[in-house]
């Protein structure tokens, strides 16, 4: 058995769930075992990106959540969607700064 953590943060609350799972389990297995959905019913797990210690599990440079084999001590992080595109946010900041001058 290995011990992993599943973490999810909202602006007003953070969830940190320890999970004991058998070796060879995937990130998706850890998510299911955490039962996070029962604590945060309005969460859409299909829309969330996931990562291990800030390394995105995207299937490009690293495996997908269904492929990644969890290791003892791993922390599975669930990332909420961005509310504003970073490029658009930068343009808005620049426009506000220009307006102040």
Protein backbone atom coordinates (compact mmCIF):
# COMPACT_ATOMS: atom_id res chain seq x y z
CA UNK A 1 0.00 0.00 0.00
CA UNK A 2 1.10 3.55 -0.70
CA UNK A 3 -0.07 6.84 0.83
CA UNK A 4 -0.93 9.80 -1.44
CA UNK A 5 -2.76 13.11 -1.06
CA UNK A 6 -5.48 14.62 -3.23
CA UNK A 7 -5.74 18.41 -2.95
CA UNK A 8 -8.25 20.91 -4.30
CA UNK A 9 -8.48 24.59 -3.42
CA UNK A 10 -11.38 26.98 -3.70
CA UNK A 11 -11.07 30.69 -2.85
CA UNK A 12 -12.74 30.12 0.53
CA UNK A 13 -11.80 26.52 1.37
CA UNK A 14 -9.09 23.94 0.76
CA UNK A 15 -9.48 20.17 0.64
CA UNK A 16 -6.55 17.88 1.45
CA UNK A 17 -7.49 14.20 1.51
CA UNK A 18 -5.05 11.41 2.36
CA UNK A 19 -5.63 8.20 0.45
CA UNK A 20 -4.19 4.74 0.98
CA UNK A 21 -4.10 2.80 -2.26
CA UNK A 22 -2.42 -0.23 -3.72
CA UNK A 23 0.75 0.17 -5.76
CA UNK A 24 0.12 0.49 -9.47
CA UNK A 25 -2.94 2.70 -9.02
CA UNK A 26 -3.37 5.68 -11.32
CA UNK A 27 -4.10 9.32 -10.59
CA UNK A 28 -7.74 8.71 -11.55
CA UNK A 29 -7.88 5.84 -9.05
CA UNK A 30 -6.59 8.15 -6.32
CA UNK A 31 -9.22 10.74 -7.23
CA UNK A 32 -12.01 8.16 -7.02
CA UNK A 33 -10.73 6.82 -3.69
CA UNK A 34 -10.58 10.35 -2.23
CA UNK A 35 -14.37 10.70 -2.62
CA UNK A 36 -13.85 14.42 -3.22
CA UNK A 37 -17.04 14.50 -5.29
CA UNK A 38 -19.09 13.77 -2.15
CA UNK A 39 -17.49 16.72 -0.31
CA UNK A 40 -17.74 19.13 -3.25
CA UNK A 41 -20.85 17.99 -5.18
CA UNK A 42 -20.80 20.85 -7.71
CA UNK A 43 -17.27 20.00 -8.88
CA UNK A 44 -17.01 18.86 -12.50
CA UNK A 45 -14.14 16.38 -12.48
CA UNK A 46 -14.20 16.12 -16.28
CA UNK A 47 -13.33 19.83 -16.63
CA UNK A 48 -10.46 19.95 -14.13
CA UNK A 49 -6.82 19.67 -15.06
CA UNK A 50 -4.66 17.53 -12.76
CA UNK A 51 -1.02 17.53 -11.85
CA UNK A 52 1.54 15.99 -9.53
CA UNK A 53 3.43 18.66 -7.58
CA UNK A 54 2.57 21.34 -10.19
CA UNK A 55 3.54 19.10 -13.14
CA UNK A 56 0.48 18.97 -15.39
CA UNK A 57 -0.75 15.53 -16.38
CA UNK A 58 -1.68 16.50 -19.91
CA UNK A 59 -0.62 13.59 -22.11
CA UNK A 60 1.90 15.76 -23.96
CA UNK A 61 5.05 16.18 -21.88
CA UNK A 62 3.80 13.86 -19.16
CA UNK A 63 1.26 11.01 -18.93
CA UNK A 64 -2.48 11.54 -18.64
CA UNK A 65 -4.22 11.03 -15.26
CA UNK A 66 -5.38 7.62 -16.47
CA UNK A 67 -1.79 6.62 -17.30
CA UNK A 68 0.19 8.12 -14.40
CA UNK A 69 1.07 5.52 -11.77
CA UNK A 70 0.96 7.11 -8.33
CA UNK A 71 4.01 6.77 -6.09
CA UNK A 72 4.19 6.80 -2.32
CA UNK A 73 4.02 10.41 -1.10
CA UNK A 74 2.67 11.91 -4.35
CA UNK A 75 0.29 14.84 -4.17
CA UNK A 76 -2.42 14.89 -6.83
CA UNK A 77 -3.50 18.48 -7.41
CA UNK A 78 -6.76 19.45 -9.10
CA UNK A 79 -6.67 22.78 -10.92
CA UNK A 80 -9.73 24.97 -11.39
CA UNK A 81 -10.24 26.54 -14.84
CA UNK A 82 -8.86 30.05 -15.28
CA UNK A 83 -11.46 32.78 -14.97
CA UNK A 84 -9.57 35.04 -17.37
CA UNK A 85 -7.02 34.26 -20.05
CA UNK A 86 -3.55 35.45 -18.85
CA UNK A 87 -2.93 37.36 -22.10
CA UNK A 88 -6.23 39.18 -21.80
CA UNK A 89 -5.52 39.99 -18.13
CA UNK A 90 -2.16 41.50 -19.12
CA UNK A 91 -3.81 43.66 -21.79
CA UNK A 92 -6.42 44.88 -19.28
CA UNK A 93 -3.69 45.79 -16.75
CA UNK A 94 -1.75 47.66 -19.43
CA UNK A 95 -4.89 49.56 -20.48
CA UNK A 96 -5.61 50.56 -16.86
CA UNK A 97 -2.01 51.68 -16.34
CA UNK A 98 -2.10 53.75 -19.56
CA UNK A 99 -5.40 55.34 -18.48
CA UNK A 100 -3.88 56.46 -15.14
CA UNK A 101 -1.02 58.32 -16.86
